[in-house]
Amino acid sequence: MSMTLHPAPSRRRFLAGAAGGLAALAPGVIRAAGRTSDTVRLTWGLGGLTMIAKERGVFAASLARDGIKTEWLGPFPNHAPTMQAVVGGSADFSFGGSTTPALAAIIAGSPLVFTQFVTYEPRTTAIIAKDGSGIERIEDLVGKSVAVNRSGLGEFLLVAALEKHGIDRSAVRFVYLNPPDAAPALASGKVDAWSMWSPAVDIARAAYQAHDLFVEGRDLDFQIDFTSFLSTRAFVTDNPDLVRAVNAALVEEAQWVSTHAVEAETIAQAKAGYSDRIRDDFIALKRQYRLYPPHDAGFLATLQKAADWLVARKVLPEPVTVADHLASV
């Protein structure tokens, strides 16, 4: 399925429209700006839109025109610790990571709401095994160990791969490791395979002479996990202008990345430190990003279906209604 971006509105037009709407609701009432701070604290990791936004500098400059200062916190290895930073009060937004651990955190009681969703194609999360390991296909994982991140992209992809190939998950040992620990575990043979996203899976494939067993964009029949930004419900309530400004800036960043593959991937390579060959492979993908506001009905139906799938397979511990956990901006 081909993905296209929603048109990227001018931030000033975006915010002016929102302000005009408020004025229409309360004529004659002069309200203070919808934010309690002039600083927004954003998390980032070694990959994705936020890293490119941080390095390119246009995102922060654009917010600065609206009197908003940007602070970057990171790098973080995966989505879960960025959400912990948000809940703990040291950051305002998670870094644009997997919806699956986000839903797990919400189920566990974290006061998080989704502020924006992202899809991108092609998707390159993969299950890999080292060359010469004797593991050449998913069926060869029976009796073996696979490193995954709990309630995250790695775990769900392994669950989906086993199901597609008719293998009971009890036949494979799930080893719950965060990415910084999973890479050396694969290298040393402490685990037999690793389910991981880009660019870490691409770096490991090259560094450890590994090969793909299952690739999300190629082998998964439907998308189960998506990219998401979250904040606390209290922050969104107190700072709707900041949330709208960040959302609009991310739309603009995504549009630039989708149309400047060479420049975007060169920026990412310089920060993440992988080889020219991996960079060129990413350039050839020409990834296209599409962003959805939190109340997009079509997208929410797709995400709810995915959440129900994850609950049925015990990746998520209990049902969750996605519509109850959305930012109202």
C-alpha atoms as a PDB file:
ATOM      1  CA  MET A   1       0.000   0.000   0.000  1.00  0.00           C
ATOM      2  CA  SER A   2       1.411   3.383  -0.962  1.00  0.00           C
ATOM      3  CA  MET A   3       1.595   5.974   1.802  1.00  0.00           C
ATOM      4  CA  THR A   4       1.321   9.715   1.322  1.00  0.00           C
ATOM      5  CA  LEU A   5       1.583  12.610   3.699  1.00  0.00           C
ATOM      6  CA  HIS A   6      -1.327  14.725   4.769  1.00  0.00           C
ATOM      7  CA  PRO A   7      -0.648  18.254   3.496  1.00  0.00           C
ATOM      8  CA  ALA A   8       1.707  20.039   5.862  1.00  0.00           C
ATOM      9  CA  PRO A   9       0.014  23.213   7.097  1.00  0.00           C
ATOM     10  CA  SER A  10       1.918  26.311   8.018  1.00  0.00           C
ATOM     11  CA  ARG A  11       2.351  26.269  11.769  1.00  0.00           C
ATOM     12  CA  ARG A  12       1.241  29.845  12.087  1.00  0.00           C
ATOM     13  CA  ARG A  13      -1.870  29.076  10.055  1.00  0.00           C
ATOM     14  CA  PHE A  14      -2.399  25.906  12.118  1.00  0.00           C
ATOM     15  CA  LEU A  15      -2.190  27.751  15.445  1.00  0.00           C
ATOM     16  CA  ALA A  16      -4.058  30.792  14.198  1.00  0.00           C
ATOM     17  CA  GLY A  17      -6.921  28.581  13.133  1.00  0.00           C
ATOM     18  CA  ALA A  18      -7.025  26.948  16.535  1.00  0.00           C
ATOM     19  CA  ALA A  19      -6.980  30.316  18.256  1.00  0.00           C
ATOM     20  CA  GLY A  20      -9.741  31.548  15.994  1.00  0.00           C
ATOM     21  CA  GLY A  21     -11.824  28.535  16.929  1.00  0.00           C
ATOM     22  CA  LEU A  22     -11.443  29.299  20.618  1.00  0.00           C
ATOM     23  CA  ALA A  23     -12.377  32.903  20.062  1.00  0.00           C
ATOM     24  CA  ALA A  24     -15.505  31.824  18.226  1.00  0.00           C
ATOM     25  CA  LEU A  25     -16.507  29.635  21.139  1.00  0.00           C
ATOM     26  CA  ALA A  26     -16.073  32.461  23.625  1.00  0.00           C
ATOM     27  CA  PRO A  27     -16.641  35.799  21.913  1.00  0.00           C
ATOM     28  CA  GLY A  28     -15.476  38.793  23.830  1.00  0.00           C
ATOM     29  CA  VAL A  29     -13.262  36.746  26.161  1.00  0.00           C
ATOM     30  CA  ILE A  30      -9.520  37.336  25.959  1.00  0.00           C
ATOM     31  CA  ARG A  31      -7.642  34.186  26.977  1.00  0.00           C
ATOM     32  CA  ALA A  32      -4.006  33.702  27.894  1.00  0.00           C
ATOM     33  CA  ALA A  33      -1.863  31.588  25.547  1.00  0.00           C
ATOM     34  CA  GLY A  34      -2.654  27.910  25.859  1.00  0.00           C
ATOM     35  CA  ARG A  35       0.602  26.922  27.484  1.00  0.00           C
ATOM     36  CA  THR A  36       2.210  27.066  30.906  1.00  0.00           C
ATOM     37  CA  SER A  37       5.781  27.067  29.599  1.00  0.00           C
ATOM     38  CA  ASP A  38       7.732  28.485  26.681  1.00  0.00           C
ATOM     39  CA  THR A  39       9.979  25.392  26.604  1.00  0.00           C
ATOM     40  CA  VAL A  40       9.166  21.948  25.220  1.00  0.00           C
ATOM     41  CA  ARG A  41      11.316  18.961  26.219  1.00  0.00           C
ATOM     42  CA  LEU A  42      11.564  16.268  23.561  1.00  0.00           C
ATOM     43  CA  THR A  43      13.164  12.828  23.711  1.00  0.00           C
ATOM     44  CA  TRP A  44      15.103  11.305  20.825  1.00  0.00           C
ATOM     45  CA  GLY A  45      16.836   8.070  19.843  1.00  0.00           C
ATOM     46  CA  LEU A  46      19.242   6.831  17.191  1.00  0.00           C
ATOM     47  CA  GLY A  47      16.730   6.678  14.369  1.00  0.00           C
ATOM     48  CA  GLY A  48      13.440   8.105  13.221  1.00  0.00           C
ATOM     49  CA  LEU A  49      11.976  11.547  12.782  1.00  0.00           C
ATOM     50  CA  THR A  50      13.050  13.037  16.101  1.00  0.00           C
ATOM     51  CA  MET A  51      16.745  12.325  15.546  1.00  0.00           C
ATOM     52  CA  ILE A  52      16.664  13.933  12.113  1.00  0.00           C
ATOM     53  CA  ALA A  53      14.625  16.847  13.475  1.00  0.00           C
ATOM     54  CA  LYS A  54      17.171  17.379  16.235  1.00  0.00           C
ATOM     55  CA  GLU A  55      20.191  17.219  13.934  1.00  0.00           C
ATOM     56  CA  ARG A  56      18.742  19.276  11.096  1.00  0.00           C
ATOM     57  CA  GLY A  57      17.693  22.131  13.367  1.00  0.00           C
ATOM     58  CA  VAL A  58      14.747  23.351  11.299  1.00  0.00           C
ATOM     59  CA  PHE A  59      12.222  21.892  13.788  1.00  0.00           C
ATOM     60  CA  ALA A  60      13.601  23.933  16.716  1.00  0.00           C
ATOM     61  CA  ALA A  61      13.971  27.067  14.587  1.00  0.00           C
ATOM     62  CA  SER A  62      10.376  26.757  13.448  1.00  0.00           C
ATOM     63  CA  LEU A  63       9.096  26.447  17.036  1.00  0.00           C
ATOM     64  CA  ALA A  64      11.282  29.376  18.045  1.00  0.00           C
ATOM     65  CA  ARG A  65       9.318  31.602  15.668  1.00  0.00           C
ATOM     66  CA  ASP A  66       6.325  30.930  17.913  1.00  0.00           C
ATOM     67  CA  GLY A  67       8.352  31.777  21.018  1.00  0.00           C
ATOM     68  CA  ILE A  68       8.947  28.150  21.984  1.00  0.00           C
ATOM     69  CA  LYS A  69      12.379  26.870  23.039  1.00  0.00           C
ATOM     70  CA  THR A  70      13.219  23.221  22.281  1.00  0.00           C
ATOM     71  CA  GLU A  71      15.238  21.016  24.653  1.00  0.00           C
ATOM     72  CA  TRP A  72      16.386  17.580  23.423  1.00  0.00           C
ATOM     73  CA  LEU A  73      16.875  14.701  25.873  1.00  0.00           C
ATOM     74  CA  GLY A  74      18.622  11.499  24.792  1.00  0.00           C
ATOM     75  CA  PRO A  75      19.580   9.372  23.074  1.00  0.00           C
ATOM     76  CA  PHE A  76      17.168   6.729  24.380  1.00  0.00           C
ATOM     77  CA  PRO A  77      17.476   3.083  23.253  1.00  0.00           C
ATOM     78  CA  ASN A  78      13.753   2.401  22.808  1.00  0.00           C
ATOM     79  CA  HIS A  79      10.304   3.809  23.494  1.00  0.00           C
ATOM     80  CA  ALA A  80       9.670   2.580  27.051  1.00  0.00           C
ATOM     81  CA  PRO A  81      12.264   4.767  28.848  1.00  0.00           C
ATOM     82  CA  THR A  82      11.102   7.856  26.953  1.00  0.00           C
ATOM     83  CA  MET A  83       7.589   7.274  28.286  1.00  0.00           C
ATOM     84  CA  GLN A  84       9.034   6.819  31.771  1.00  0.00           C
ATOM     85  CA  ALA A  85      10.767  10.189  31.384  1.00  0.00           C
ATOM     86  CA  VAL A  86       7.456  11.788  30.414  1.00  0.00           C
ATOM     87  CA  VAL A  87       5.554  10.239  33.323  1.00  0.00           C
ATOM     88  CA  GLY A  88       8.394  11.138  35.696  1.00  0.00           C
ATOM     89  CA  GLY A  89       8.270  14.769  34.631  1.00  0.00           C
ATOM     90  CA  SER A  90      11.702  15.128  33.025  1.00  0.00           C
ATOM     91  CA  ALA A  91      10.332  15.216  29.448  1.00  0.00           C
ATOM     92  CA  ASP A  92       7.140  16.371  27.746  1.00  0.00           C
ATOM     93  CA  PHE A  93       6.895  13.981  24.766  1.00  0.00           C
ATOM     94  CA  SER A  94       7.943  10.403  24.069  1.00  0.00           C
ATOM     95  CA  PHE A  95      10.186  10.085  21.042  1.00  0.00           C
ATOM     96  CA  GLY A  96       7.953   8.605  18.385  1.00  0.00           C
ATOM     97  CA  GLY A  97       8.095   4.909  19.196  1.00  0.00           C
ATOM     98  CA  SER A  98       6.048   1.740  19.064  1.00  0.00           C
ATOM     99  CA  THR A  99       2.351   1.833  19.940  1.00  0.00           C
ATOM    100  CA  THR A 100       2.573  -1.597  21.586  1.00  0.00           C
ATOM    101  CA  PRO A 101       4.676  -0.641  24.662  1.00  0.00           C
ATOM    102  CA  ALA A 102       2.685   2.606  24.771  1.00  0.00           C
ATOM    103  CA  LEU A 103      -0.531   0.622  25.146  1.00  0.00           C
ATOM    104  CA  ALA A 104       1.146  -1.628  27.707  1.00  0.00           C
ATOM    105  CA  ALA A 105       2.142   1.425  29.764  1.00  0.00           C
ATOM    106  CA  ILE A 106      -1.382   2.830  29.558  1.00  0.00           C
ATOM    107  CA  ILE A 107      -2.869  -0.505  30.665  1.00  0.00           C
ATOM    108  CA  ALA A 108      -0.444  -0.483  33.611  1.00  0.00           C
ATOM    109  CA  GLY A 109      -1.850   2.886  34.719  1.00  0.00           C
ATOM    110  CA  SER A 110       0.476   5.491  33.193  1.00  0.00           C
ATOM    111  CA  PRO A 111      -1.453   8.771  32.639  1.00  0.00           C
ATOM    112  CA  LEU A 112      -0.382   8.961  28.985  1.00  0.00           C
ATOM    113  CA  VAL A 113      -2.332  10.077  25.941  1.00  0.00           C
ATOM    114  CA  PHE A 114      -1.438   9.822  22.259  1.00  0.00           C
ATOM    115  CA  THR A 115      -0.680  13.197  20.687  1.00  0.00           C
ATOM    116  CA  GLN A 116       0.082  12.019  17.139  1.00  0.00           C
ATOM    117  CA  PHE A 117       0.541   8.820  15.135  1.00  0.00           C
ATOM    118  CA  VAL A 118       2.953   7.997  12.321  1.00  0.00           C
ATOM    119  CA  THR A 119       3.097   5.295   9.689  1.00  0.00           C
ATOM    120  CA  TYR A 120       5.972   4.770   7.301  1.00  0.00           C
ATOM    121  CA  GLU A 121       6.745   2.438   4.439  1.00  0.00           C
ATOM    122  CA  PRO A 122       8.600   0.313   3.742  1.00  0.00           C
ATOM    123  CA  ARG A 123       8.909  -1.188   7.217  1.00  0.00           C
ATOM    124  CA  THR A 124      12.155  -3.036   7.909  1.00  0.00           C
ATOM    125  CA  THR A 125      11.820  -4.543  11.388  1.00  0.00           C
ATOM    126  CA  ALA A 126      13.168  -8.080  11.082  1.00  0.00           C
ATOM    127  CA  ILE A 127      13.998 -11.314  12.875  1.00  0.00           C
ATOM    128  CA  ILE A 128      17.621 -12.186  12.148  1.00  0.00           C
ATOM    129  CA  ALA A 129      19.962 -15.094  12.893  1.00  0.00           C
ATOM    130  CA  LYS A 130      23.713 -15.404  12.397  1.00  0.00           C
ATOM    131  CA  ASP A 131      25.074 -17.026   9.268  1.00  0.00           C
ATOM    132  CA  GLY A 132      26.163 -20.600   9.933  1.00  0.00           C
ATOM    133  CA  SER A 133      23.791 -20.990  12.892  1.00  0.00           C
ATOM    134  CA  GLY A 134      21.670 -23.548  11.062  1.00  0.00           C
ATOM    135  CA  ILE A 135      18.664 -21.229  11.429  1.00  0.00           C
ATOM    136  CA  GLU A 136      17.462 -20.408   7.938  1.00  0.00           C
ATOM    137  CA  ARG A 137      13.696 -20.108   8.377  1.00  0.00           C
ATOM    138  CA  ILE A 138      11.142 -19.506  11.121  1.00  0.00           C
ATOM    139  CA  GLU A 139      10.573 -23.243  11.586  1.00  0.00           C
ATOM    140  CA  ASP A 140      14.233 -23.571  12.627  1.00  0.00           C
ATOM    141  CA  LEU A 141      13.541 -21.438  15.735  1.00  0.00           C
ATOM    142  CA  VAL A 142      11.819 -24.348  17.476  1.00  0.00           C
ATOM    143  CA  GLY A 143      13.823 -25.067  20.621  1.00  0.00           C
ATOM    144  CA  LYS A 144      15.861 -21.872  20.139  1.00  0.00           C
ATOM    145  CA  SER A 145      16.012 -18.526  21.952  1.00  0.00           C
ATOM    146  CA  VAL A 146      15.053 -15.158  20.451  1.00  0.00           C
ATOM    147  CA  ALA A 147      15.778 -11.745  21.986  1.00  0.00           C
ATOM    148  CA  VAL A 148      12.769  -9.386  21.970  1.00  0.00           C
ATOM    149  CA  ASN A 149      11.716  -6.248  23.808  1.00  0.00           C
ATOM    150  CA  ARG A 150       8.786  -7.016  26.099  1.00  0.00           C
ATOM    151  CA  SER A 151       5.370  -5.821  24.833  1.00  0.00           C
ATOM    152  CA  GLY A 152       7.145  -4.125  21.957  1.00  0.00           C
ATOM    153  CA  LEU A 153       7.799  -4.319  18.266  1.00  0.00           C
ATOM    154  CA  GLY A 154      10.261  -7.196  18.637  1.00  0.00           C
ATOM    155  CA  GLU A 155       7.898  -9.381  20.649  1.00  0.00           C
ATOM    156  CA  PHE A 156       4.833  -8.864  18.478  1.00  0.00           C
ATOM    157  CA  LEU A 157       6.778  -9.573  15.273  1.00  0.00           C
ATOM    158  CA  LEU A 158       8.013 -12.875  16.654  1.00  0.00           C
ATOM    159  CA  VAL A 159       4.491 -13.799  17.804  1.00  0.00           C
ATOM    160  CA  ALA A 160       3.110 -12.975  14.348  1.00  0.00           C
ATOM    161  CA  ALA A 161       5.884 -14.902  12.566  1.00  0.00           C
ATOM    162  CA  LEU A 162       5.345 -18.025  14.667  1.00  0.00           C
ATOM    163  CA  GLU A 163       1.590 -17.861  14.137  1.00  0.00           C
ATOM    164  CA  LYS A 164       1.949 -17.447  10.383  1.00  0.00           C
ATOM    165  CA  HIS A 165       4.165 -20.535  10.245  1.00  0.00           C
ATOM    166  CA  GLY A 166       1.946 -22.630  12.542  1.00  0.00           C
ATOM    167  CA  ILE A 167       4.397 -22.801  15.445  1.00  0.00           C
ATOM    168  CA  ASP A 168       3.192 -22.614  19.056  1.00  0.00           C
ATOM    169  CA  ARG A 169       4.983 -19.835  20.901  1.00  0.00           C
ATOM    170  CA  SER A 170       5.802 -22.240  23.738  1.00  0.00           C
ATOM    171  CA  ALA A 171       8.172 -24.005  21.319  1.00  0.00           C
ATOM    172  CA  VAL A 172      10.458 -20.942  21.230  1.00  0.00           C
ATOM    173  CA  ARG A 173      12.162 -19.261  24.192  1.00  0.00           C
ATOM    174  CA  PHE A 174      11.436 -15.536  24.366  1.00  0.00           C
ATOM    175  CA  VAL A 175      14.358 -13.693  25.980  1.00  0.00           C
ATOM    176  CA  TYR A 176      13.315 -10.204  27.083  1.00  0.00           C
ATOM    177  CA  LEU A 177      16.179  -7.781  26.482  1.00  0.00           C
ATOM    178  CA  ASN A 178      16.410  -4.110  25.626  1.00  0.00           C
ATOM    179  CA  PRO A 179      18.379  -3.327  22.433  1.00  0.00           C
ATOM    180  CA  PRO A 180      21.715  -2.417  24.121  1.00  0.00           C
ATOM    181  CA  ASP A 181      21.772  -5.847  25.769  1.00  0.00           C
ATOM    182  CA  ALA A 182      20.294  -7.843  22.891  1.00  0.00           C
ATOM    183  CA  ALA A 183      22.987  -6.947  20.346  1.00  0.00           C
ATOM    184  CA  PRO A 184      25.913  -8.396  22.348  1.00  0.00           C
ATOM    185  CA  ALA A 185      23.758 -11.371  23.327  1.00  0.00           C
ATOM    186  CA  LEU A 186      23.319 -12.236  19.638  1.00  0.00           C
ATOM    187  CA  ALA A 187      26.994 -11.587  18.907  1.00  0.00           C
ATOM    188  CA  SER A 188      28.156 -13.913  21.697  1.00  0.00           C
ATOM    189  CA  GLY A 189      25.639 -16.664  20.979  1.00  0.00           C
ATOM    190  CA  LYS A 190      23.710 -16.206  24.226  1.00  0.00           C
ATOM    191  CA  VAL A 191      20.588 -15.961  22.075  1.00  0.00           C
ATOM    192  CA  ASP A 192      20.030 -17.650  18.728  1.00  0.00           C
ATOM    193  CA  ALA A 193      18.098 -14.853  16.999  1.00  0.00           C
ATOM    194  CA  TRP A 194      16.953 -11.274  17.488  1.00  0.00           C
ATOM    195  CA  SER A 195      13.734  -9.479  16.545  1.00  0.00           C
ATOM    196  CA  MET A 196      14.580  -5.793  16.100  1.00  0.00           C
ATOM    197  CA  TRP A 197      13.900  -2.599  14.151  1.00  0.00           C
ATOM    198  CA  SER A 198      16.105  -0.348  12.010  1.00  0.00           C
ATOM    199  CA  PRO A 199      18.814   0.817  12.162  1.00  0.00           C
ATOM    200  CA  ALA A 200      19.972  -1.535  14.936  1.00  0.00           C
ATOM    201  CA  VAL A 201      18.888  -4.673  13.087  1.00  0.00           C
ATOM    202  CA  ASP A 202      20.714  -3.503   9.941  1.00  0.00           C
ATOM    203  CA  ILE A 203      23.887  -2.743  11.893  1.00  0.00           C
ATOM    204  CA  ALA A 204      23.746  -6.159  13.581  1.00  0.00           C
ATOM    205  CA  ARG A 205      23.085  -7.957  10.298  1.00  0.00           C
ATOM    206  CA  ALA A 206      26.280  -6.481   8.855  1.00  0.00           C
ATOM    207  CA  ALA A 207      28.440  -6.610  11.984  1.00  0.00           C
ATOM    208  CA  TYR A 208      27.618 -10.198  12.953  1.00  0.00           C
ATOM    209  CA  GLN A 209      27.167 -11.675   9.454  1.00  0.00           C
ATOM    210  CA  ALA A 210      23.471 -12.364   9.994  1.00  0.00           C
ATOM    211  CA  HIS A 211      20.524 -12.872   7.678  1.00  0.00           C
ATOM    212  CA  ASP A 212      16.758 -12.252   7.694  1.00  0.00           C
ATOM    213  CA  LEU A 213      14.260 -14.886   8.747  1.00  0.00           C
ATOM    214  CA  PHE A 214      11.173 -12.656   8.722  1.00  0.00           C
ATOM    215  CA  VAL A 215      10.774  -9.024   7.633  1.00  0.00           C
ATOM    216  CA  GLU A 216       7.776  -6.978   8.718  1.00  0.00           C
ATOM    217  CA  GLY A 217       7.153  -5.177   5.442  1.00  0.00           C
ATOM    218  CA  ARG A 218       7.711  -8.305   3.346  1.00  0.00           C
ATOM    219  CA  ASP A 219       6.267 -11.158   5.398  1.00  0.00           C
ATOM    220  CA  LEU A 220       3.642  -9.690   7.740  1.00  0.00           C
ATOM    221  CA  ASP A 221       0.185  -9.717   6.182  1.00  0.00           C
ATOM    222  CA  PHE A 222      -1.102  -6.648   8.043  1.00  0.00           C
ATOM    223  CA  GLN A 223       0.336  -3.902  10.211  1.00  0.00           C
ATOM    224  CA  ILE A 224      -0.026  -4.438  13.962  1.00  0.00           C
ATOM    225  CA  ASP A 225       2.313  -1.824  15.390  1.00  0.00           C
ATOM    226  CA  PHE A 226       2.623   1.870  14.593  1.00  0.00           C
ATOM    227  CA  THR A 227       4.754   4.848  15.581  1.00  0.00           C
ATOM    228  CA  SER A 228       3.368   7.217  18.211  1.00  0.00           C
ATOM    229  CA  PHE A 229       4.092  10.294  20.267  1.00  0.00           C
ATOM    230  CA  LEU A 230       2.667  10.568  23.781  1.00  0.00           C
ATOM    231  CA  SER A 231       2.464  13.055  26.609  1.00  0.00           C
ATOM    232  CA  THR A 232       0.676  13.106  29.949  1.00  0.00           C
ATOM    233  CA  ARG A 233      -2.976  14.017  30.035  1.00  0.00           C
ATOM    234  CA  ALA A 234      -2.183  16.867  32.449  1.00  0.00           C
ATOM    235  CA  PHE A 235       0.457  18.357  30.140  1.00  0.00           C
ATOM    236  CA  VAL A 236      -1.888  18.266  27.156  1.00  0.00           C
ATOM    237  CA  THR A 237      -4.686  19.883  29.171  1.00  0.00           C
ATOM    238  CA  ASP A 238      -2.411  22.691  30.368  1.00  0.00           C
ATOM    239  CA  ASN A 239      -0.468  23.170  27.117  1.00  0.00           C
ATOM    240  CA  PRO A 240      -2.668  22.640  24.068  1.00  0.00           C
ATOM    241  CA  ASP A 241      -0.769  25.294  22.104  1.00  0.00           C
ATOM    242  CA  LEU A 242       2.537  23.516  22.681  1.00  0.00           C
ATOM    243  CA  VAL A 243       1.054  20.199  21.577  1.00  0.00           C
ATOM    244  CA  ARG A 244      -0.401  21.735  18.411  1.00  0.00           C
ATOM    245  CA  ALA A 245       2.911  23.443  17.634  1.00  0.00           C
ATOM    246  CA  VAL A 246       4.919  20.235  18.071  1.00  0.00           C
ATOM    247  CA  ASN A 247       2.424  18.256  15.980  1.00  0.00           C
ATOM    248  CA  ALA A 248       2.575  20.770  13.143  1.00  0.00           C
ATOM    249  CA  ALA A 249       6.380  20.879  13.240  1.00  0.00           C
ATOM    250  CA  LEU A 250       6.519  17.072  13.037  1.00  0.00           C
ATOM    251  CA  VAL A 251       4.257  17.116   9.962  1.00  0.00           C
ATOM    252  CA  GLU A 252       6.666  19.514   8.283  1.00  0.00           C
ATOM    253  CA  GLU A 253       9.683  17.404   9.289  1.00  0.00           C
ATOM    254  CA  ALA A 254       8.053  14.228   7.968  1.00  0.00           C
ATOM    255  CA  GLN A 255       7.296  15.899   4.657  1.00  0.00           C
ATOM    256  CA  TRP A 256      10.924  16.973   4.300  1.00  0.00           C
ATOM    257  CA  VAL A 257      12.278  13.508   5.186  1.00  0.00           C
ATOM    258  CA  SER A 258       9.877  11.843   2.731  1.00  0.00           C
ATOM    259  CA  THR A 259      11.110  14.015  -0.120  1.00  0.00           C
ATOM    260  CA  HIS A 260      14.836  14.227   0.758  1.00  0.00           C
ATOM    261  CA  ALA A 261      15.948  10.620   1.260  1.00  0.00           C
ATOM    262  CA  VAL A 262      19.628  11.236   0.508  1.00  0.00           C
ATOM    263  CA  GLU A 263      19.960  14.170   2.888  1.00  0.00           C
ATOM    264  CA  ALA A 264      17.848  12.560   5.626  1.00  0.00           C
ATOM    265  CA  GLU A 265      19.701   9.248   5.570  1.00  0.00           C
ATOM    266  CA  THR A 266      23.082  11.004   5.513  1.00  0.00           C
ATOM    267  CA  ILE A 267      22.093  12.932   8.647  1.00  0.00           C
ATOM    268  CA  ALA A 268      20.941   9.707  10.321  1.00  0.00           C
ATOM    269  CA  GLN A 269      24.154   7.878   9.392  1.00  0.00           C
ATOM    270  CA  ALA A 270      26.359  10.635  10.809  1.00  0.00           C
ATOM    271  CA  LYS A 271      24.634  10.391  14.178  1.00  0.00           C
ATOM    272  CA  ALA A 272      24.121   6.621  14.394  1.00  0.00           C
ATOM    273  CA  GLY A 273      27.539   5.749  12.963  1.00  0.00           C
ATOM    274  CA  TYR A 274      26.738   2.932  10.558  1.00  0.00           C
ATOM    275  CA  SER A 275      28.421   2.123   7.254  1.00  0.00           C
ATOM    276  CA  ASP A 276      27.959   3.741   3.869  1.00  0.00           C
ATOM    277  CA  ARG A 277      26.474   0.475   2.589  1.00  0.00           C
ATOM    278  CA  ILE A 278      23.702   0.556   5.197  1.00  0.00           C
ATOM    279  CA  ARG A 279      23.116   4.252   4.479  1.00  0.00           C
ATOM    280  CA  ASP A 280      22.804   3.552   0.765  1.00  0.00           C
ATOM    281  CA  ASP A 281      20.369   0.709   1.456  1.00  0.00           C
ATOM    282  CA  PHE A 282      18.199   3.123   3.447  1.00  0.00           C
ATOM    283  CA  ILE A 283      18.384   5.758   0.719  1.00  0.00           C
ATOM    284  CA  ALA A 284      17.179   3.201  -1.807  1.00  0.00           C
ATOM    285  CA  LEU A 285      14.111   2.489   0.358  1.00  0.00           C
ATOM    286  CA  LYS A 286      12.871   6.103  -0.059  1.00  0.00           C
ATOM    287  CA  ARG A 287      10.741   5.821   3.051  1.00  0.00           C
ATOM    288  CA  GLN A 288       7.461   7.712   3.026  1.00  0.00           C
ATOM    289  CA  TYR A 289       5.979   9.019   6.277  1.00  0.00           C
ATOM    290  CA  ARG A 290       2.341   9.784   6.999  1.00  0.00           C
ATOM    291  CA  LEU A 291       1.146  11.481  10.181  1.00  0.00           C
ATOM    292  CA  TYR A 292      -2.306  11.209  11.735  1.00  0.00           C
ATOM    293  CA  PRO A 293      -3.884  13.500  14.341  1.00  0.00           C
ATOM    294  CA  PRO A 294      -5.044  11.742  17.521  1.00  0.00           C
ATOM    295  CA  HIS A 295      -8.746  11.640  16.551  1.00  0.00           C
ATOM    296  CA  ASP A 296      -8.417  10.323  12.986  1.00  0.00           C
ATOM    297  CA  ALA A 297     -11.311   7.841  12.911  1.00  0.00           C
ATOM    298  CA  GLY A 298      -9.925   5.596  10.183  1.00  0.00           C
ATOM    299  CA  PHE A 299      -6.536   5.271  11.801  1.00  0.00           C
ATOM    300  CA  LEU A 300      -8.058   4.651  15.251  1.00  0.00           C
ATOM    301  CA  ALA A 301     -10.120   1.763  13.897  1.00  0.00           C
ATOM    302  CA  THR A 302      -6.937   0.188  12.528  1.00  0.00           C
ATOM    303  CA  LEU A 303      -5.026   0.700  15.784  1.00  0.00           C
ATOM    304  CA  GLN A 304      -7.908  -0.688  17.857  1.00  0.00           C
ATOM    305  CA  LYS A 305      -7.977  -3.810  15.687  1.00  0.00           C
ATOM    306  CA  ALA A 306      -4.231  -4.172  16.241  1.00  0.00           C
ATOM    307  CA  ALA A 307      -4.604  -3.711  20.009  1.00  0.00           C
ATOM    308  CA  ASP A 308      -7.301  -6.393  20.126  1.00  0.00           C
ATOM    309  CA  TRP A 309      -5.005  -8.745  18.178  1.00  0.00           C
ATOM    310  CA  LEU A 310      -2.204  -8.156  20.683  1.00  0.00           C
ATOM    311  CA  VAL A 311      -4.528  -8.755  23.642  1.00  0.00           C
ATOM    312  CA  ALA A 312      -5.809 -12.010  22.139  1.00  0.00           C
ATOM    313  CA  ARG A 313      -2.202 -13.227  21.871  1.00  0.00           C
ATOM    314  CA  LYS A 314      -1.234 -12.022  25.368  1.00  0.00           C
ATOM    315  CA  VAL A 315       1.367  -9.537  24.149  1.00  0.00           C
ATOM    316  CA  LEU A 316      -0.840  -6.996  25.937  1.00  0.00           C
ATOM    317  CA  PRO A 317      -2.206  -8.176  29.304  1.00  0.00           C
ATOM    318  CA  GLU A 318      -5.778  -6.880  29.035  1.00  0.00           C
ATOM    319  CA  PRO A 319      -8.140  -5.054  26.678  1.00  0.00           C
ATOM    320  CA  VAL A 320      -7.709  -1.331  26.112  1.00  0.00           C
ATOM    321  CA  THR A 321      -9.948   1.196  24.364  1.00  0.00           C
ATOM    322  CA  VAL A 322      -7.593   3.401  22.367  1.00  0.00           C
ATOM    323  CA  ALA A 323     -10.162   6.200  22.011  1.00  0.00           C
ATOM    324  CA  ASP A 324     -10.055   6.749  25.789  1.00  0.00           C
ATOM    325  CA  HIS A 325      -6.385   7.750  25.633  1.00  0.00           C
ATOM    326  CA  LEU A 326      -6.132  10.515  23.045  1.00  0.00           C
ATOM    327  CA  ALA A 327      -4.980  14.103  23.349  1.00  0.00           C
ATOM    328  CA  SER A 328      -7.772  16.636  22.898  1.00  0.00           C
ATOM    329  CA  VAL A 329      -6.142  19.550  21.053  1.00  0.00           C
END
